Amino acid sequence: MKNILKERSYAFAIRVVKLYKYLCSEKREFVLSKQVLRSGTAVGALVHEAEFGQSKADFINKLSIALKEANETSYWLSLLKDTEYISHKMSQSIKNDSDELIKLLVSSIKTSKKNNRK
């Protein structure tokens, strides 16, 4: 079965790694880039980790942490745009992916909590 959240979070992590490489090599920016790298790649790692959670509660907890990391990544992306390290166009493209991930995570968490009550 296809896991959209897993696929999208992995693709997002790849984009974040490429952004990090760009920021370091082209912009010589090392502080904010490391923050966005950490939080942006953590999302996919936590989604993958949740897949083998010890319980439904553990699964929900891992996805909730992934949601926090996705939200933090969104913050760093906004900061990079507003400090002109990345263009508005570049920001919008990756921010759309970030927003989509946040929606998928919220939906997955809500569904899991609802199914957990049954």
C-alpha atoms as a PDB file:
ATOM      1  CA  MET A   1       0.000   0.000   0.000  1.00  0.00           C
ATOM      2  CA  LYS A   2       1.232   3.471  -0.900  1.00  0.00           C
ATOM      3  CA  ASN A   3       2.040   5.723   2.057  1.00  0.00           C
ATOM      4  CA  ILE A   4       1.648   9.329   0.897  1.00  0.00           C
ATOM      5  CA  LEU A   5       2.879  10.828   4.172  1.00  0.00           C
ATOM      6  CA  LYS A   6       6.021   8.701   4.129  1.00  0.00           C
ATOM      7  CA  GLU A   7       6.745   9.535   0.476  1.00  0.00           C
ATOM      8  CA  ARG A   8       6.085  13.268   0.847  1.00  0.00           C
ATOM      9  CA  SER A   9       8.128  13.601   4.040  1.00  0.00           C
ATOM     10  CA  TYR A  10      11.069  11.820   2.388  1.00  0.00           C
ATOM     11  CA  ALA A  11      10.841  14.003  -0.739  1.00  0.00           C
ATOM     12  CA  PHE A  12      10.657  17.062   1.519  1.00  0.00           C
ATOM     13  CA  ALA A  13      13.802  15.947   3.374  1.00  0.00           C
ATOM     14  CA  ILE A  14      15.627  15.697   0.044  1.00  0.00           C
ATOM     15  CA  ARG A  15      14.557  19.253  -0.848  1.00  0.00           C
ATOM     16  CA  VAL A  16      15.719  20.481   2.560  1.00  0.00           C
ATOM     17  CA  VAL A  17      19.134  18.820   2.156  1.00  0.00           C
ATOM     18  CA  LYS A  18      19.510  20.455  -1.267  1.00  0.00           C
ATOM     19  CA  LEU A  19      18.481  23.808   0.212  1.00  0.00           C
ATOM     20  CA  TYR A  20      21.069  23.353   2.962  1.00  0.00           C
ATOM     21  CA  LYS A  21      23.784  22.621   0.394  1.00  0.00           C
ATOM     22  CA  TYR A  22      22.760  25.710  -1.607  1.00  0.00           C
ATOM     23  CA  LEU A  23      22.755  27.958   1.462  1.00  0.00           C
ATOM     24  CA  CYS A  24      26.189  26.763   2.551  1.00  0.00           C
ATOM     25  CA  SER A  25      27.883  26.874  -0.842  1.00  0.00           C
ATOM     26  CA  GLU A  26      26.179  29.835  -2.525  1.00  0.00           C
ATOM     27  CA  LYS A  27      25.146  32.070   0.367  1.00  0.00           C
ATOM     28  CA  ARG A  28      27.796  31.068   2.923  1.00  0.00           C
ATOM     29  CA  GLU A  29      25.038  30.813   5.534  1.00  0.00           C
ATOM     30  CA  PHE A  30      25.705  28.182   8.209  1.00  0.00           C
ATOM     31  CA  VAL A  31      23.494  28.886  11.231  1.00  0.00           C
ATOM     32  CA  LEU A  32      19.932  29.150   9.896  1.00  0.00           C
ATOM     33  CA  SER A  33      20.673  26.500   7.268  1.00  0.00           C
ATOM     34  CA  LYS A  34      21.654  24.004   9.959  1.00  0.00           C
ATOM     35  CA  GLN A  35      18.403  24.695  11.818  1.00  0.00           C
ATOM     36  CA  VAL A  36      16.233  24.119   8.744  1.00  0.00           C
ATOM     37  CA  LEU A  37      18.262  20.988   7.902  1.00  0.00           C
ATOM     38  CA  ARG A  38      17.713  19.535  11.366  1.00  0.00           C
ATOM     39  CA  SER A  39      13.991  20.210  11.625  1.00  0.00           C
ATOM     40  CA  GLY A  40      13.210  19.545   7.958  1.00  0.00           C
ATOM     41  CA  THR A  41      14.841  16.120   7.898  1.00  0.00           C
ATOM     42  CA  ALA A  42      13.457  15.199  11.330  1.00  0.00           C
ATOM     43  CA  VAL A  43       9.911  15.199   9.909  1.00  0.00           C
ATOM     44  CA  GLY A  44      10.564  12.252   7.603  1.00  0.00           C
ATOM     45  CA  ALA A  45      12.637  10.414  10.190  1.00  0.00           C
ATOM     46  CA  LEU A  46       9.805  10.649  12.720  1.00  0.00           C
ATOM     47  CA  VAL A  47       7.200   9.557  10.159  1.00  0.00           C
ATOM     48  CA  HIS A  48       9.349   6.519   9.365  1.00  0.00           C
ATOM     49  CA  GLU A  49       9.864   5.839  13.067  1.00  0.00           C
ATOM     50  CA  ALA A  50       6.112   6.092  13.742  1.00  0.00           C
ATOM     51  CA  GLU A  51       5.468   3.317  11.251  1.00  0.00           C
ATOM     52  CA  PHE A  52       6.854   0.824  13.750  1.00  0.00           C
ATOM     53  CA  GLY A  53       5.559   2.496  16.903  1.00  0.00           C
ATOM     54  CA  GLN A  54       5.156   0.255  19.926  1.00  0.00           C
ATOM     55  CA  SER A  55       1.509   1.213  20.286  1.00  0.00           C
ATOM     56  CA  LYS A  56      -1.140   3.454  18.774  1.00  0.00           C
ATOM     57  CA  ALA A  57      -0.245   6.070  21.400  1.00  0.00           C
ATOM     58  CA  ASP A  58       3.432   5.856  20.415  1.00  0.00           C
ATOM     59  CA  PHE A  59       2.452   6.202  16.740  1.00  0.00           C
ATOM     60  CA  ILE A  60       0.386   9.325  17.510  1.00  0.00           C
ATOM     61  CA  ASN A  61       3.189  10.747  19.666  1.00  0.00           C
ATOM     62  CA  LYS A  62       5.783  10.340  16.891  1.00  0.00           C
ATOM     63  CA  LEU A  63       3.492  11.989  14.345  1.00  0.00           C
ATOM     64  CA  SER A  64       2.798  14.816  16.802  1.00  0.00           C
ATOM     65  CA  ILE A  65       6.528  15.449  17.178  1.00  0.00           C
ATOM     66  CA  ALA A  66       6.863  15.334  13.363  1.00  0.00           C
ATOM     67  CA  LEU A  67       4.140  17.990  13.195  1.00  0.00           C
ATOM     68  CA  LYS A  68       6.076  20.213  15.608  1.00  0.00           C
ATOM     69  CA  GLU A  69       9.217  19.772  13.501  1.00  0.00           C
ATOM     70  CA  ALA A  70       7.298  20.612  10.304  1.00  0.00           C
ATOM     71  CA  ASN A  71       5.940  23.753  11.944  1.00  0.00           C
ATOM     72  CA  GLU A  72       9.439  24.726  13.093  1.00  0.00           C
ATOM     73  CA  THR A  73      10.746  24.163   9.554  1.00  0.00           C
ATOM     74  CA  SER A  74       8.064  26.507   8.264  1.00  0.00           C
ATOM     75  CA  TYR A  75       9.388  29.163  10.659  1.00  0.00           C
ATOM     76  CA  TRP A  76      12.984  28.756   9.445  1.00  0.00           C
ATOM     77  CA  LEU A  77      11.866  28.933   5.812  1.00  0.00           C
ATOM     78  CA  SER A  78      10.023  32.200   6.498  1.00  0.00           C
ATOM     79  CA  LEU A  79      13.051  33.603   8.277  1.00  0.00           C
ATOM     80  CA  LEU A  80      15.361  32.623   5.398  1.00  0.00           C
ATOM     81  CA  LYS A  81      13.022  34.375   2.956  1.00  0.00           C
ATOM     82  CA  ASP A  82      12.571  37.497   5.070  1.00  0.00           C
ATOM     83  CA  THR A  83      16.341  37.838   5.578  1.00  0.00           C
ATOM     84  CA  GLU A  84      16.804  37.433   1.819  1.00  0.00           C
ATOM     85  CA  TYR A  85      18.848  34.241   1.918  1.00  0.00           C
ATOM     86  CA  ILE A  86      16.283  32.647  -0.390  1.00  0.00           C
ATOM     87  CA  SER A  87      14.059  34.291  -2.969  1.00  0.00           C
ATOM     88  CA  HIS A  88      10.311  34.619  -2.606  1.00  0.00           C
ATOM     89  CA  LYS A  89       9.868  32.133  -5.477  1.00  0.00           C
ATOM     90  CA  MET A  90      12.193  29.563  -3.895  1.00  0.00           C
ATOM     91  CA  SER A  91      10.528  30.078  -0.523  1.00  0.00           C
ATOM     92  CA  GLN A  92       7.022  29.675  -1.917  1.00  0.00           C
ATOM     93  CA  SER A  93       7.878  26.414  -3.640  1.00  0.00           C
ATOM     94  CA  ILE A  94       9.317  24.681  -0.579  1.00  0.00           C
ATOM     95  CA  LYS A  95       6.818  26.364   1.784  1.00  0.00           C
ATOM     96  CA  ASN A  96       3.971  24.807  -0.235  1.00  0.00           C
ATOM     97  CA  ASP A  97       5.512  21.393   0.387  1.00  0.00           C
ATOM     98  CA  SER A  98       5.897  22.205   4.078  1.00  0.00           C
ATOM     99  CA  ASP A  99       2.263  23.330   4.354  1.00  0.00           C
ATOM    100  CA  GLU A 100       1.083  20.179   2.588  1.00  0.00           C
ATOM    101  CA  LEU A 101       3.069  18.025   5.008  1.00  0.00           C
ATOM    102  CA  ILE A 102       1.543  19.855   7.962  1.00  0.00           C
ATOM    103  CA  LYS A 103      -1.966  19.197   6.592  1.00  0.00           C
ATOM    104  CA  LEU A 104      -1.186  15.502   6.053  1.00  0.00           C
ATOM    105  CA  LEU A 105       0.227  15.171   9.569  1.00  0.00           C
ATOM    106  CA  VAL A 106      -2.755  16.921  11.183  1.00  0.00           C
ATOM    107  CA  SER A 107      -5.136  14.681   9.246  1.00  0.00           C
ATOM    108  CA  SER A 108      -3.214  11.502  10.160  1.00  0.00           C
ATOM    109  CA  ILE A 109      -3.087  12.447  13.833  1.00  0.00           C
ATOM    110  CA  LYS A 110      -6.815  13.254  13.950  1.00  0.00           C
ATOM    111  CA  THR A 111      -7.709   9.993  12.194  1.00  0.00           C
ATOM    112  CA  SER A 112      -5.448   7.967  14.489  1.00  0.00           C
ATOM    113  CA  LYS A 113      -6.883   9.590  17.616  1.00  0.00           C
ATOM    114  CA  LYS A 114     -10.435   8.975  16.395  1.00  0.00           C
ATOM    115  CA  ASN A 115      -9.662   5.325  15.613  1.00  0.00           C
ATOM    116  CA  ASN A 116      -7.863   4.965  18.942  1.00  0.00           C
ATOM    117  CA  ARG A 117     -11.075   5.810  20.847  1.00  0.00           C
ATOM    118  CA  LYS A 118     -13.079   3.016  19.224  1.00  0.00           C
END
